[in-house]
Amino acid sequence: MSLREVAREVGIAAQSMYLHFADKEQLARAVAEDGYQRVVAAMRDADAQAAAHGADAGERLRAQANAFCTFARTERGVIRLMFGHNASGFGELGQTHPARLLWQQWLDAIHAGEEEGLRWPDGAEQTAILLWSALFGRFALWTSTFGRHDAQELTTFVDRTVDTLLRDAHR
């Protein structure tokens, strides 16, 4: 899709797009960056709400994992752009890849468990990778599983995945 097509779709003059974005790659990066910021904000909000209700780190992790999946489910186009094949170039030219923000959020969520005495068998980073990979992978399968798009399936998967991580952690 060209910048002209984007401008036409959103109802503005094509010249207006070029005032803000040099090309569609720059626009894609801006949309992806915004997506990473919004998903992390949703995760932080879920964490804060769970904490306000007295949840422990495990329940707060579950809340954040569900917030991630809810964002992915409701913002499919943005998620595709954030993790699409063209996203690999977002970190070029000395720029930090915008996914770093989301990675840090996953790490912070796992470290919160450590602060409450949980010890992850494979360490914090591997646990964060496992969780993020499992959730994103299940979401990708969910979106392409023969038209079955029951949101409860994702929630059930999140619960089972977090339960497994917490069961394997030790104090």
Protein backbone atom coordinates (compact mmCIF):
# COMPACT_ATOMS: atom_id res chain seq x y z
CA MET A 1 0.00 0.00 0.00
CA SER A 2 1.36 3.43 -0.90
CA LEU A 3 1.22 6.60 1.17
CA ARG A 4 -1.29 7.95 -1.35
CA GLU A 5 -3.54 4.96 -0.71
CA VAL A 6 -3.22 5.43 3.04
CA ALA A 7 -4.08 9.13 2.67
CA ARG A 8 -7.11 8.28 0.56
CA GLU A 9 -8.23 5.65 3.11
CA VAL A 10 -8.03 8.06 6.06
CA GLY A 11 -9.52 10.93 4.08
CA ILE A 12 -6.64 13.39 3.89
CA ALA A 13 -4.64 14.91 1.06
CA ALA A 14 -1.69 12.80 -0.08
CA GLN A 15 0.63 15.76 0.40
CA SER A 16 -0.28 15.78 4.10
CA MET A 17 1.13 12.28 4.52
CA TYR A 18 4.48 13.40 3.13
CA LEU A 19 4.67 16.18 5.71
CA HIS A 20 4.90 13.50 8.40
CA PHE A 21 6.33 10.41 6.69
CA ALA A 22 8.98 10.19 3.99
CA ASP A 23 7.79 6.78 2.84
CA LYS A 24 5.56 3.88 3.82
CA GLU A 25 8.39 2.24 5.81
CA GLN A 26 8.52 5.29 8.06
CA LEU A 27 4.74 5.14 8.47
CA ALA A 28 4.92 1.41 9.27
CA ARG A 29 7.56 2.04 11.91
CA ALA A 30 5.41 4.77 13.49
CA VAL A 31 2.37 2.47 13.61
CA ALA A 32 4.46 -0.37 15.07
CA GLU A 33 6.05 1.89 17.69
CA ASP A 34 2.61 3.10 18.69
CA GLY A 35 1.43 -0.51 18.89
CA TYR A 36 4.27 -1.49 21.21
CA GLN A 37 3.55 1.51 23.42
CA ARG A 38 -0.17 0.70 23.55
CA VAL A 39 0.25 -3.00 24.32
CA VAL A 40 2.72 -2.21 27.10
CA ALA A 41 0.35 0.44 28.48
CA ALA A 42 -2.46 -2.16 28.48
CA MET A 43 -0.21 -4.64 30.29
CA ARG A 44 0.85 -2.06 32.86
CA ASP A 45 -2.77 -1.06 33.42
CA ALA A 46 -3.77 -4.70 33.93
CA ASP A 47 -0.89 -5.13 36.36
CA ALA A 48 -1.88 -2.03 38.33
CA GLN A 49 -5.52 -3.09 38.50
CA ALA A 50 -4.60 -6.57 39.67
CA ALA A 51 -2.21 -5.14 42.28
CA ALA A 52 -4.92 -2.76 43.50
CA HIS A 53 -7.09 -5.82 44.18
CA GLY A 54 -4.32 -7.46 46.22
CA ALA A 55 -3.15 -9.89 43.55
CA ASP A 56 0.21 -11.58 43.97
CA ALA A 57 2.88 -11.56 41.25
CA GLY A 58 1.46 -14.70 39.64
CA GLU A 59 -2.00 -13.21 39.26
CA ARG A 60 -0.47 -9.95 38.04
CA LEU A 61 1.50 -11.94 35.44
CA ARG A 62 -1.75 -13.61 34.37
CA ALA A 63 -3.46 -10.22 34.07
CA GLN A 64 -0.64 -8.89 31.89
CA ALA A 65 -0.62 -12.01 29.71
CA ASN A 66 -4.36 -11.68 29.18
CA ALA A 67 -3.94 -7.98 28.37
CA PHE A 68 -1.34 -8.89 25.74
CA CYS A 69 -3.69 -11.43 24.14
CA THR A 70 -6.66 -9.06 24.28
CA PHE A 71 -4.61 -6.39 22.53
CA ALA A 72 -3.47 -8.91 19.90
CA ARG A 73 -7.04 -10.10 19.36
CA THR A 74 -8.53 -6.61 19.04
CA GLU A 75 -5.62 -5.04 17.12
CA ARG A 76 -4.79 -7.82 14.65
CA GLY A 77 -3.60 -5.50 11.91
CA VAL A 78 -1.29 -3.63 14.26
CA ILE A 79 0.07 -6.90 15.67
CA ARG A 80 0.76 -8.16 12.13
CA LEU A 81 2.70 -5.00 11.42
CA MET A 82 4.54 -5.12 14.76
CA PHE A 83 5.70 -8.69 14.19
CA GLY A 84 5.55 -8.92 10.40
CA HIS A 85 8.44 -9.86 8.16
CA ASN A 86 9.24 -6.21 7.41
CA ALA A 87 9.61 -5.44 11.11
CA SER A 88 13.17 -6.77 11.15
CA GLY A 89 14.41 -3.47 9.71
CA PHE A 90 12.94 -1.39 12.52
CA GLY A 91 16.15 -1.65 14.51
CA GLU A 92 18.52 -0.56 11.73
CA LEU A 93 20.61 2.59 11.56
CA GLY A 94 21.54 2.53 15.23
CA GLN A 95 17.92 2.66 16.36
CA THR A 96 16.59 0.45 19.11
CA HIS A 97 13.89 -1.91 17.90
CA PRO A 98 10.55 -0.81 19.35
CA ALA A 99 9.90 -4.37 20.60
CA ARG A 100 12.52 -3.70 23.30
CA LEU A 101 9.78 -1.92 25.28
CA LEU A 102 7.57 -5.01 25.24
CA TRP A 103 10.51 -7.29 26.03
CA GLN A 104 11.30 -5.17 29.09
CA GLN A 105 7.68 -5.39 30.23
CA TRP A 106 7.78 -9.19 30.06
CA LEU A 107 11.05 -9.20 32.01
CA ASP A 108 9.65 -6.83 34.63
CA ALA A 109 6.61 -9.08 35.08
CA ILE A 110 8.84 -12.12 35.59
CA HIS A 111 11.17 -10.21 37.94
CA ALA A 112 8.13 -9.22 40.03
CA GLY A 113 7.69 -12.91 40.76
CA GLU A 114 11.30 -13.12 41.87
CA GLU A 115 10.72 -10.21 44.22
CA GLU A 116 8.00 -12.33 45.86
CA GLY A 117 10.36 -15.28 46.18
CA LEU A 118 9.66 -17.24 43.00
CA ARG A 119 12.64 -18.87 41.33
CA TRP A 120 12.23 -19.77 37.69
CA PRO A 121 13.98 -23.05 36.79
CA ASP A 122 15.49 -21.62 33.60
CA GLY A 123 16.00 -18.06 34.86
CA ALA A 124 14.04 -14.88 34.28
CA GLU A 125 15.01 -14.26 30.66
CA GLN A 126 14.24 -17.77 29.46
CA THR A 127 10.93 -17.71 31.34
CA ALA A 128 10.01 -14.39 29.71
CA ILE A 129 10.93 -15.77 26.27
CA LEU A 130 8.91 -18.91 26.92
CA LEU A 131 5.84 -16.97 27.99
CA TRP A 132 5.98 -14.40 25.19
CA SER A 133 6.64 -17.07 22.56
CA ALA A 134 3.85 -19.30 23.81
CA LEU A 135 1.29 -16.50 23.88
CA PHE A 136 2.25 -15.01 20.53
CA GLY A 137 2.45 -18.44 18.93
CA ARG A 138 -0.96 -19.46 20.25
CA PHE A 139 -2.43 -16.18 19.07
CA ALA A 140 -0.99 -16.75 15.59
CA LEU A 141 -2.52 -20.23 15.49
CA TRP A 142 -5.81 -18.95 16.90
CA THR A 143 -6.18 -16.40 14.11
CA SER A 144 -5.70 -19.08 11.45
CA THR A 145 -7.49 -22.07 12.97
CA PHE A 146 -10.29 -22.70 10.52
CA GLY A 147 -12.45 -19.78 11.55
CA ARG A 148 -12.52 -20.69 15.25
CA HIS A 149 -12.01 -17.37 16.97
CA ASP A 150 -13.42 -17.91 20.44
CA ALA A 151 -11.73 -15.43 22.77
CA GLN A 152 -12.21 -17.86 25.66
CA GLU A 153 -9.77 -20.25 23.97
CA LEU A 154 -7.04 -17.63 24.31
CA THR A 155 -7.93 -16.91 27.93
CA THR A 156 -7.86 -20.61 28.75
CA PHE A 157 -4.47 -20.95 27.08
CA VAL A 158 -3.12 -17.96 29.01
CA ASP A 159 -4.35 -19.42 32.29
CA ARG A 160 -2.82 -22.83 31.60
CA THR A 161 0.47 -21.35 30.46
CA VAL A 162 0.81 -19.09 33.49
CA ASP A 163 -0.28 -21.93 35.80
CA THR A 164 2.44 -24.15 34.32
CA LEU A 165 5.12 -21.48 34.79
CA LEU A 166 4.03 -20.88 38.37
CA ARG A 167 3.87 -24.61 39.14
CA ASP A 168 7.43 -25.05 37.86
CA ALA A 169 8.73 -22.06 39.84
CA HIS A 170 9.91 -22.74 43.34
CA ARG A 171 10.34 -20.65 46.43
